[in-house]
Amino acid sequence: MKRKQAEFILTILGVAEVLATFYTIYPPVAIALTPVAIYCLVIIYINDAKNSKNKPNA
């Protein structure tokens, strides 16, 4: 597994932890934040993919 993939998995786990915490405290907030979190993770993944294609192999 590449380092970027491992970092992205850790990011996903961190977001899941925050959502789980909100779900135990106040479920409507977690339900509302879940699509936003997924959208942000997709944007991060797309930007990382674009940046990795643009970098020259050194």
N, C-alpha and C. Protein backbone atom coordinates (compact mmCIF):
# COMPACT_ATOMS: atom_id res chain seq x y z
N MET A 1 0.84 -1.18 0.00
CA MET A 1 0.00 0.00 0.00
C MET A 1 0.89 1.24 0.00
N LYS A 2 0.53 2.18 -0.81
CA LYS A 2 1.31 3.41 -0.90
C LYS A 2 1.02 4.31 0.30
N ARG A 3 1.95 5.21 0.53
CA ARG A 3 1.82 6.11 1.68
C ARG A 3 0.58 6.99 1.55
N LYS A 4 0.31 7.52 0.37
CA LYS A 4 -0.85 8.38 0.16
C LYS A 4 -2.14 7.62 0.45
N GLN A 5 -2.21 6.35 0.02
CA GLN A 5 -3.40 5.55 0.29
C GLN A 5 -3.58 5.32 1.78
N ALA A 6 -2.49 5.06 2.48
CA ALA A 6 -2.56 4.85 3.92
C ALA A 6 -3.00 6.13 4.63
N GLU A 7 -2.48 7.27 4.20
CA GLU A 7 -2.89 8.54 4.80
C GLU A 7 -4.36 8.82 4.54
N PHE A 8 -4.84 8.48 3.35
CA PHE A 8 -6.25 8.70 3.03
C PHE A 8 -7.14 7.80 3.87
N ILE A 9 -6.73 6.56 4.09
CA ILE A 9 -7.51 5.66 4.94
C ILE A 9 -7.55 6.19 6.37
N LEU A 10 -6.44 6.71 6.87
CA LEU A 10 -6.43 7.30 8.20
C LEU A 10 -7.34 8.52 8.28
N THR A 11 -7.39 9.30 7.22
CA THR A 11 -8.29 10.45 7.17
C THR A 11 -9.75 9.99 7.24
N ILE A 12 -10.07 8.95 6.49
CA ILE A 12 -11.43 8.42 6.50
C ILE A 12 -11.80 7.91 7.89
N LEU A 13 -10.87 7.22 8.54
CA LEU A 13 -11.14 6.73 9.89
C LEU A 13 -11.33 7.87 10.88
N GLY A 14 -10.58 8.95 10.72
CA GLY A 14 -10.74 10.12 11.58
C GLY A 14 -12.11 10.76 11.40
N VAL A 15 -12.54 10.87 10.15
CA VAL A 15 -13.87 11.43 9.87
C VAL A 15 -14.96 10.53 10.45
N ALA A 16 -14.78 9.22 10.30
CA ALA A 16 -15.76 8.28 10.85
C ALA A 16 -15.84 8.38 12.37
N GLU A 17 -14.70 8.60 13.00
CA GLU A 17 -14.69 8.76 14.46
C GLU A 17 -15.45 10.00 14.89
N VAL A 18 -15.25 11.10 14.17
CA VAL A 18 -15.97 12.33 14.49
C VAL A 18 -17.47 12.16 14.28
N LEU A 19 -17.85 11.53 13.17
CA LEU A 19 -19.27 11.30 12.92
C LEU A 19 -19.89 10.40 13.97
N ALA A 20 -19.16 9.37 14.40
CA ALA A 20 -19.68 8.48 15.44
C ALA A 20 -19.85 9.22 16.76
N THR A 21 -18.93 10.12 17.05
CA THR A 21 -19.06 10.92 18.28
C THR A 21 -20.29 11.81 18.21
N PHE A 22 -20.48 12.48 17.07
CA PHE A 22 -21.67 13.31 16.92
C PHE A 22 -22.95 12.47 16.99
N TYR A 23 -22.88 11.25 16.44
CA TYR A 23 -24.07 10.40 16.44
C TYR A 23 -24.46 10.01 17.86
N THR A 24 -23.48 9.79 18.73
CA THR A 24 -23.81 9.43 20.12
C THR A 24 -24.30 10.63 20.90
N ILE A 25 -23.83 11.83 20.56
CA ILE A 25 -24.24 13.03 21.28
C ILE A 25 -25.57 13.56 20.75
N TYR A 26 -25.64 13.73 19.44
CA TYR A 26 -26.84 14.32 18.83
C TYR A 26 -26.99 13.78 17.41
N PRO A 27 -27.76 12.71 17.25
CA PRO A 27 -27.86 12.02 15.95
C PRO A 27 -28.24 12.89 14.75
N PRO A 28 -29.16 13.87 14.87
CA PRO A 28 -29.47 14.67 13.67
C PRO A 28 -28.27 15.40 13.08
N VAL A 29 -27.34 15.80 13.93
CA VAL A 29 -26.14 16.48 13.43
C VAL A 29 -25.29 15.51 12.60
N ALA A 30 -25.14 14.30 13.10
CA ALA A 30 -24.35 13.30 12.36
C ALA A 30 -25.02 12.96 11.04
N ILE A 31 -26.34 12.85 11.05
CA ILE A 31 -27.06 12.53 9.82
C ILE A 31 -26.89 13.66 8.80
N ALA A 32 -26.91 14.89 9.27
CA ALA A 32 -26.74 16.03 8.37
C ALA A 32 -25.30 16.16 7.88
N LEU A 33 -24.33 15.81 8.72
CA LEU A 33 -22.92 15.98 8.35
C LEU A 33 -22.37 14.85 7.49
N THR A 34 -23.01 13.71 7.47
CA THR A 34 -22.49 12.57 6.72
C THR A 34 -22.32 12.87 5.23
N PRO A 35 -23.34 13.40 4.54
CA PRO A 35 -23.12 13.71 3.11
C PRO A 35 -22.04 14.77 2.89
N VAL A 36 -21.94 15.73 3.79
CA VAL A 36 -20.91 16.76 3.67
C VAL A 36 -19.52 16.13 3.82
N ALA A 37 -19.39 15.25 4.78
CA ALA A 37 -18.10 14.58 5.00
C ALA A 37 -17.71 13.73 3.79
N ILE A 38 -18.67 13.00 3.24
CA ILE A 38 -18.39 12.18 2.06
C ILE A 38 -17.98 13.06 0.89
N TYR A 39 -18.67 14.16 0.69
CA TYR A 39 -18.35 15.09 -0.39
C TYR A 39 -16.92 15.62 -0.22
N CYS A 40 -16.57 16.02 0.98
CA CYS A 40 -15.22 16.55 1.23
C CYS A 40 -14.15 15.50 0.98
N LEU A 41 -14.41 14.26 1.40
CA LEU A 41 -13.44 13.19 1.17
C LEU A 41 -13.27 12.90 -0.31
N VAL A 42 -14.35 12.97 -1.07
CA VAL A 42 -14.26 12.76 -2.51
C VAL A 42 -13.44 13.86 -3.16
N ILE A 43 -13.65 15.10 -2.75
CA ILE A 43 -12.88 16.23 -3.28
C ILE A 43 -11.40 16.05 -2.97
N ILE A 44 -11.08 15.65 -1.75
CA ILE A 44 -9.68 15.43 -1.37
C ILE A 44 -9.07 14.34 -2.23
N TYR A 45 -9.81 13.24 -2.43
CA TYR A 45 -9.30 12.12 -3.23
C TYR A 45 -9.05 12.54 -4.68
N ILE A 46 -9.98 13.29 -5.25
CA ILE A 46 -9.83 13.74 -6.63
C ILE A 46 -8.64 14.67 -6.77
N ASN A 47 -8.48 15.61 -5.84
CA ASN A 47 -7.34 16.52 -5.89
C ASN A 47 -6.01 15.78 -5.75
N ASP A 48 -5.96 14.79 -4.86
CA ASP A 48 -4.73 14.01 -4.72
C ASP A 48 -4.43 13.23 -5.99
N ALA A 49 -5.46 12.70 -6.62
CA ALA A 49 -5.25 11.95 -7.86
C ALA A 49 -4.73 12.87 -8.96
N LYS A 50 -5.29 14.07 -9.06
CA LYS A 50 -4.82 15.02 -10.07
C LYS A 50 -3.39 15.44 -9.81
N ASN A 51 -3.07 15.71 -8.53
CA ASN A 51 -1.71 16.15 -8.19
C ASN A 51 -0.69 15.06 -8.44
N SER A 52 -1.05 13.81 -8.21
CA SER A 52 -0.09 12.73 -8.44
C SER A 52 0.16 12.53 -9.93
N LYS A 53 -0.82 12.83 -10.78
CA LYS A 53 -0.62 12.70 -12.23
C LYS A 53 0.25 13.83 -12.77
N ASN A 54 0.17 15.00 -12.15
CA ASN A 54 0.91 16.16 -12.63
C ASN A 54 2.36 16.18 -12.18
N LYS A 55 2.70 15.41 -11.15
CA LYS A 55 4.08 15.42 -10.66
C LYS A 55 4.97 14.59 -11.58
N PRO A 56 6.11 15.14 -11.95
CA PRO A 56 7.05 14.35 -12.75
C PRO A 56 7.74 13.32 -11.86
N ASN A 57 8.11 12.20 -12.43
CA ASN A 57 8.83 11.18 -11.68
C ASN A 57 10.26 11.62 -11.49
N ALA A 58 10.64 11.80 -10.25
CA ALA A 58 12.01 12.27 -9.97
C ALA A 58 12.86 11.16 -9.41
